Amino acid sequence: MKRAAAMAVLALAALAALGGCGKPAADEPASTLTEAQRDSVLGESALPGAGTVGRAREAAAGEATPRVSVDSLTH
């Protein structure tokens, strides 16, 4: 009897493990925010290191502006 109970528990554990291996039901992304939007929200939060994310985002935006003006020059 103990062997039958152990086999039943093992079978249930195997089914539970296999049940978690499937593809999610919805193919929708976990978030609808863009990376820039997520960085902006994170930069404004009170989490440790959030200020660094905000400053990095601002620095990246500042770096992009001069490149646009140089790229638009005509030769």
Foldseek 3Di string as FASTA:
>chain_A
DVVVVVVVVVVVVVVVVVVVPDDDPDPDDPDPDDPLVVLVVQLPDPDPPSVVSVVVSVVVVVVVVVVVVVVPDDD
